[in-house]
Amino acid sequence: MKIVLLIAVVIGADQISKYIVRMTLAEGESIEVIRGFFAVTHFQNDGAAFSSFRGQRQLLILMSAVVVVCALVFLWRKRKESALLRISLALLASGGIGNLIDRAVFGTVTDMLSFSIFPPIFNIADSAVVIGCFLLLFYEFREDLMTRKKTESEAEGE
């Protein structure tokens, strides 16, 4: 149940933030929040990460839908597994859903978070996907390390 709440909160925060930006800023308009470091900038991205696959709306919708369905199916199958695994999959799914909504409804994804040290403008859904990927990698490395240690200790015991 907590995972469903996490998914709902991420999608809600993403969609609300995008709505506010679309309603208050013209495309390309920016509000500096922390001078020289962070701004809220309205950008409509018709591509994927770093504006790759620009103009490939159907392909991006299909790819996003496949990733979201896979993450949700895997999340369901692993619902009794590690909390870290479930959180990472929930973040991947919710970020994918947030951007999928934009692509399906508006044809582009609304981005708004702009940091001077990181050139691409991104949104909450993008952040959820990136954090979910890092957590999933961390989970996999940790599981691999635990499996290796277990195998080594079993080999030493023989």
Protein backbone atom coordinates (compact mmCIF):
# COMPACT_ATOMS: atom_id res chain seq x y z
CA MET A 1 0.00 0.00 0.00
CA LYS A 2 2.88 2.37 0.76
CA ILE A 3 4.27 1.74 -2.72
CA VAL A 4 0.95 2.71 -4.31
CA LEU A 5 1.01 5.90 -2.23
CA LEU A 6 4.58 6.63 -3.37
CA ILE A 7 3.55 6.19 -7.01
CA ALA A 8 0.51 8.46 -6.54
CA VAL A 9 2.55 11.16 -4.77
CA VAL A 10 5.25 11.21 -7.45
CA ILE A 11 2.74 11.32 -10.32
CA GLY A 12 0.68 13.96 -8.50
CA ALA A 13 3.67 16.19 -7.70
CA ASP A 14 4.92 15.84 -11.27
CA GLN A 15 1.60 16.67 -12.90
CA ILE A 16 0.82 19.55 -10.51
CA SER A 17 4.25 21.12 -11.02
CA LYS A 18 3.91 20.82 -14.80
CA TYR A 19 0.42 22.33 -14.70
CA ILE A 20 1.62 25.29 -12.63
CA VAL A 21 4.51 25.92 -15.02
CA ARG A 22 2.28 25.67 -18.12
CA MET A 23 -0.25 28.08 -16.57
CA THR A 24 2.17 30.66 -15.17
CA LEU A 25 5.14 30.79 -17.54
CA ALA A 26 5.27 31.22 -21.28
CA GLU A 27 7.41 28.65 -23.06
CA GLY A 28 11.04 29.72 -22.70
CA GLU A 29 10.25 32.02 -19.78
CA SER A 30 12.35 31.55 -16.66
CA ILE A 31 12.20 32.55 -13.00
CA GLU A 32 15.52 32.60 -11.21
CA VAL A 33 15.12 30.97 -7.79
CA ILE A 34 18.75 30.83 -6.66
CA ARG A 35 20.75 33.43 -8.54
CA GLY A 36 23.22 31.89 -10.97
CA PHE A 37 22.40 28.34 -9.83
CA PHE A 38 18.73 27.30 -10.10
CA ALA A 39 15.79 28.54 -12.15
CA VAL A 40 12.33 27.36 -13.07
CA THR A 41 12.25 27.47 -16.86
CA HIS A 42 9.29 26.43 -19.02
CA PHE A 43 10.54 24.08 -21.73
CA GLN A 44 8.46 21.75 -23.92
CA ASN A 45 10.51 18.69 -24.87
CA ASP A 46 9.23 16.63 -27.80
CA GLY A 47 12.06 14.14 -27.35
CA ALA A 48 13.48 11.97 -24.60
CA ALA A 49 16.51 12.52 -22.37
CA PHE A 50 18.71 15.37 -23.60
CA SER A 51 16.13 15.93 -26.38
CA SER A 52 17.05 12.67 -28.10
CA PHE A 53 14.43 11.09 -30.40
CA ARG A 54 12.91 14.51 -31.14
CA GLY A 55 9.67 14.32 -33.08
CA GLN A 56 9.25 10.58 -32.44
CA ARG A 57 6.09 10.89 -30.32
CA GLN A 58 4.57 7.47 -31.12
CA LEU A 59 7.86 5.66 -30.58
CA LEU A 60 8.40 7.46 -27.26
CA ILE A 61 4.85 6.68 -26.12
CA LEU A 62 5.32 3.02 -27.03
CA MET A 63 8.73 2.77 -25.35
CA SER A 64 7.47 4.54 -22.23
CA ALA A 65 4.39 2.34 -22.03
CA VAL A 66 6.49 -0.83 -22.34
CA VAL A 67 8.89 0.31 -19.62
CA VAL A 68 6.03 1.32 -17.30
CA VAL A 69 4.19 -1.99 -17.81
CA CYS A 70 7.40 -3.98 -17.24
CA ALA A 71 8.19 -2.01 -14.07
CA LEU A 72 4.65 -2.50 -12.74
CA VAL A 73 4.61 -6.23 -13.56
CA PHE A 74 8.01 -6.71 -11.97
CA LEU A 75 6.89 -4.66 -8.97
CA TRP A 76 3.83 -6.89 -8.59
CA ARG A 77 5.89 -10.07 -8.87
CA LYS A 78 8.47 -8.78 -6.36
CA ARG A 79 5.94 -7.22 -3.96
CA LYS A 80 7.24 -9.30 -1.04
CA GLU A 81 10.92 -8.67 -1.80
CA SER A 82 13.29 -5.96 -0.62
CA ALA A 83 11.85 -2.51 0.08
CA LEU A 84 14.73 -1.01 -1.90
CA LEU A 85 13.76 -3.02 -4.98
CA ARG A 86 10.10 -2.04 -4.65
CA ILE A 87 10.90 1.65 -4.17
CA SER A 88 13.22 1.70 -7.17
CA LEU A 89 10.60 0.06 -9.39
CA ALA A 90 7.87 2.38 -8.07
CA LEU A 91 10.00 5.43 -8.91
CA LEU A 92 10.73 4.10 -12.40
CA ALA A 93 7.04 3.40 -13.01
CA SER A 94 5.76 6.70 -11.59
CA GLY A 95 8.31 8.77 -13.51
CA GLY A 96 7.46 6.91 -16.69
CA ILE A 97 3.74 7.44 -16.11
CA GLY A 98 4.23 11.16 -15.44
CA ASN A 99 6.02 11.74 -18.73
CA LEU A 100 3.74 9.31 -20.59
CA ILE A 101 0.73 11.42 -19.54
CA ASP A 102 2.38 14.51 -21.03
CA ARG A 103 3.31 12.81 -24.29
CA ALA A 104 -0.16 11.29 -24.73
CA VAL A 105 -2.12 14.43 -23.79
CA PHE A 106 0.09 17.30 -24.99
CA GLY A 107 2.49 15.68 -27.46
CA THR A 108 5.47 17.02 -25.50
CA VAL A 109 6.84 16.73 -21.99
CA THR A 110 6.90 19.84 -19.81
CA ASP A 111 10.32 20.37 -18.23
CA MET A 112 11.12 23.11 -15.75
CA LEU A 113 14.01 22.39 -13.38
CA SER A 114 17.14 24.15 -14.60
CA PHE A 115 20.48 24.07 -12.77
CA SER A 116 23.52 25.97 -14.03
CA ILE A 117 25.78 23.00 -13.21
CA PHE A 118 23.62 20.55 -15.19
CA PRO A 119 22.61 21.87 -18.61
CA PRO A 120 19.48 19.80 -19.43
CA ILE A 121 16.16 21.07 -18.11
CA PHE A 122 14.16 18.28 -16.48
CA ASN A 123 11.09 17.60 -14.31
CA ILE A 124 10.00 15.58 -11.28
CA ALA A 125 9.19 12.51 -13.39
CA ASP A 126 12.70 12.57 -14.87
CA SER A 127 14.13 12.82 -11.36
CA ALA A 128 12.07 9.83 -10.23
CA VAL A 129 13.33 7.75 -13.15
CA VAL A 130 16.97 8.64 -12.51
CA ILE A 131 16.72 8.03 -8.76
CA GLY A 132 14.85 4.76 -9.44
CA CYS A 133 17.63 3.63 -11.81
CA PHE A 134 20.36 4.44 -9.28
CA LEU A 135 18.48 2.61 -6.52
CA LEU A 136 17.93 -0.39 -8.79
CA LEU A 137 21.64 -0.49 -9.66
CA PHE A 138 22.55 -0.18 -5.98
CA TYR A 139 20.13 -3.01 -5.16
CA GLU A 140 21.60 -5.24 -7.87
CA PHE A 141 25.21 -4.54 -6.81
CA ARG A 142 24.30 -5.21 -3.18
CA GLU A 143 22.53 -8.47 -4.08
CA ASP A 144 25.48 -9.55 -6.21
CA LEU A 145 27.91 -8.78 -3.38
CA MET A 146 25.78 -10.70 -0.86
CA THR A 147 25.55 -13.69 -3.23
CA ARG A 148 29.33 -13.68 -3.74
CA LYS A 149 29.98 -13.53 0.02
CA LYS A 150 27.54 -16.36 0.63
CA THR A 151 29.14 -18.48 -2.10
CA GLU A 152 32.64 -17.78 -0.74
CA SER A 153 31.67 -18.65 2.82
CA GLU A 154 30.00 -21.87 1.65
CA ALA A 155 33.12 -22.76 -0.36
CA GLU A 156 35.34 -22.14 2.69
CA GLY A 157 33.08 -24.35 4.82
CA GLU A 158 33.56 -27.36 2.53
